[in-house]
Each structure stands twice: as C-alpha cells, then as structure tokens.
Amino acid sequence: MTDYTIVIEDAGTNFASYVIGLDGIISTGATIDEVMKNMREAIPFHLEGMRLSGSELIKPMPIVKTIQVAT
C-alpha cells in the first residue's frame, strides 16, 4: 500500500480532485465520497499505464503545510 495525498475542491456543481506529486490524474464526483472512490480507481490505473509505457514511477513525497495570513 502507498499513501497518496489528494486535494478535493468544491467546483460549484460537484467536487473535483487531483493528486499532489502525481501529474495527470483528476477526478470529479457529486460527493466527496464519490471523488475518493474514483481516485482509488484512477491512481492504480494511471500507475499501470506509466509502467506499461516505461515511465519512471514517482514516489509520492508531498510537503503539505498550512500557513496563517492576516485577512
């Protein structure tokens, strides 16, 4: 098992997501749970395509930080 960090954003009429550090994967869904389910399917599919094409698999190593700013 490998952990991947995904970002889920409210897109107005649905939710959209992408994987930090793994370009080329996006997913949408009506709910956050649906987006997470879609990502669980999309990530292995994408990685298999990378393997088949001979691309180097990227080890997920995101740096995620929260900062405070005056608003």
C-alpha atoms as a PDB file:
ATOM      1  CA  MET A   1       0.000   0.000   0.000  1.00  0.00           C
ATOM      2  CA  THR A   2       1.136   3.524  -0.784  1.00  0.00           C
ATOM      3  CA  ASP A   3      -0.359   6.731   0.572  1.00  0.00           C
ATOM      4  CA  TYR A   4      -1.171   9.489  -1.909  1.00  0.00           C
ATOM      5  CA  THR A   5      -2.333  12.955  -0.915  1.00  0.00           C
ATOM      6  CA  ILE A   6      -5.294  14.244  -2.880  1.00  0.00           C
ATOM      7  CA  VAL A   7      -6.820  17.708  -2.920  1.00  0.00           C
ATOM      8  CA  ILE A   8     -10.588  17.920  -3.168  1.00  0.00           C
ATOM      9  CA  GLU A   9     -12.159  21.235  -4.163  1.00  0.00           C
ATOM     10  CA  ASP A  10     -15.770  22.366  -4.339  1.00  0.00           C
ATOM     11  CA  ALA A  11     -16.367  23.015  -8.044  1.00  0.00           C
ATOM     12  CA  GLY A  12     -19.812  24.513  -7.578  1.00  0.00           C
ATOM     13  CA  THR A  13     -21.968  21.773  -9.057  1.00  0.00           C
ATOM     14  CA  ASN A  14     -19.716  18.894  -7.958  1.00  0.00           C
ATOM     15  CA  PHE A  15     -16.340  18.168  -6.386  1.00  0.00           C
ATOM     16  CA  ALA A  16     -13.023  17.928  -8.259  1.00  0.00           C
ATOM     17  CA  SER A  17      -9.733  16.451  -7.125  1.00  0.00           C
ATOM     18  CA  TYR A  18      -6.138  15.877  -8.121  1.00  0.00           C
ATOM     19  CA  VAL A  19      -3.136  14.042  -6.703  1.00  0.00           C
ATOM     20  CA  ILE A  20      -0.261  16.024  -5.228  1.00  0.00           C
ATOM     21  CA  GLY A  21       3.010  14.961  -6.841  1.00  0.00           C
ATOM     22  CA  LEU A  22       1.418  12.722  -9.479  1.00  0.00           C
ATOM     23  CA  ASP A  23       0.528  14.741 -12.566  1.00  0.00           C
ATOM     24  CA  GLY A  24      -2.203  13.691 -14.956  1.00  0.00           C
ATOM     25  CA  ILE A  25      -4.823  12.383 -12.574  1.00  0.00           C
ATOM     26  CA  ILE A  26      -8.025  14.266 -11.901  1.00  0.00           C
ATOM     27  CA  SER A  27     -11.425  13.093 -10.780  1.00  0.00           C
ATOM     28  CA  THR A  28     -14.841  14.565 -10.173  1.00  0.00           C
ATOM     29  CA  GLY A  29     -17.897  13.399  -8.306  1.00  0.00           C
ATOM     30  CA  ALA A  30     -21.195  14.512  -6.860  1.00  0.00           C
ATOM     31  CA  THR A  31     -19.925  13.914  -3.312  1.00  0.00           C
ATOM     32  CA  ILE A  32     -16.583  13.784  -1.533  1.00  0.00           C
ATOM     33  CA  ASP A  33     -17.026  10.047  -1.007  1.00  0.00           C
ATOM     34  CA  GLU A  34     -17.595   9.564  -4.739  1.00  0.00           C
ATOM     35  CA  VAL A  35     -14.458  11.555  -5.576  1.00  0.00           C
ATOM     36  CA  MET A  36     -12.419   9.449  -3.145  1.00  0.00           C
ATOM     37  CA  LYS A  37     -13.821   6.220  -4.653  1.00  0.00           C
ATOM     38  CA  ASN A  38     -12.975   7.466  -8.153  1.00  0.00           C
ATOM     39  CA  MET A  39      -9.436   8.359  -7.076  1.00  0.00           C
ATOM     40  CA  ARG A  40      -8.915   4.908  -5.554  1.00  0.00           C
ATOM     41  CA  GLU A  41      -9.643   3.536  -9.033  1.00  0.00           C
ATOM     42  CA  ALA A  42      -7.842   6.227 -11.066  1.00  0.00           C
ATOM     43  CA  ILE A  43      -4.477   6.131  -9.297  1.00  0.00           C
ATOM     44  CA  PRO A  44      -3.698   2.424  -9.865  1.00  0.00           C
ATOM     45  CA  PHE A  45      -4.964   2.719 -13.461  1.00  0.00           C
ATOM     46  CA  HIS A  46      -2.633   5.669 -14.090  1.00  0.00           C
ATOM     47  CA  LEU A  47       0.333   3.934 -12.449  1.00  0.00           C
ATOM     48  CA  GLU A  48      -0.247   0.816 -14.581  1.00  0.00           C
ATOM     49  CA  GLY A  49      -0.234   3.000 -17.702  1.00  0.00           C
ATOM     50  CA  MET A  50       3.062   4.515 -16.569  1.00  0.00           C
ATOM     51  CA  ARG A  51       4.533   1.036 -16.051  1.00  0.00           C
ATOM     52  CA  LEU A  52       3.389  -0.145 -19.481  1.00  0.00           C
ATOM     53  CA  SER A  53       4.861   2.909 -21.198  1.00  0.00           C
ATOM     54  CA  GLY A  54       8.177   2.533 -19.375  1.00  0.00           C
ATOM     55  CA  SER A  55       7.787   5.783 -17.445  1.00  0.00           C
ATOM     56  CA  GLU A  56       9.554   6.104 -14.136  1.00  0.00           C
ATOM     57  CA  LEU A  57       7.154   5.705 -11.243  1.00  0.00           C
ATOM     58  CA  ILE A  58       7.262   8.686  -8.953  1.00  0.00           C
ATOM     59  CA  LYS A  59       7.432   8.031  -5.253  1.00  0.00           C
ATOM     60  CA  PRO A  60       4.843  10.236  -3.528  1.00  0.00           C
ATOM     61  CA  MET A  61       6.658  12.720  -1.321  1.00  0.00           C
ATOM     62  CA  PRO A  62       4.433  15.780  -0.940  1.00  0.00           C
ATOM     63  CA  ILE A  63       5.087  18.541   1.506  1.00  0.00           C
ATOM     64  CA  VAL A  64       1.798  19.829   2.845  1.00  0.00           C
ATOM     65  CA  LYS A  65       1.771  22.815   5.168  1.00  0.00           C
ATOM     66  CA  THR A  66      -0.849  25.199   6.463  1.00  0.00           C
ATOM     67  CA  ILE A  67       0.020  28.847   6.883  1.00  0.00           C
ATOM     68  CA  GLN A  68      -1.818  31.689   8.546  1.00  0.00           C
ATOM     69  CA  VAL A  69      -2.204  35.097   6.915  1.00  0.00           C
ATOM     70  CA  ALA A  70      -3.995  38.209   8.023  1.00  0.00           C
ATOM     71  CA  THR A  71      -7.317  38.654   6.261  1.00  0.00           C
END
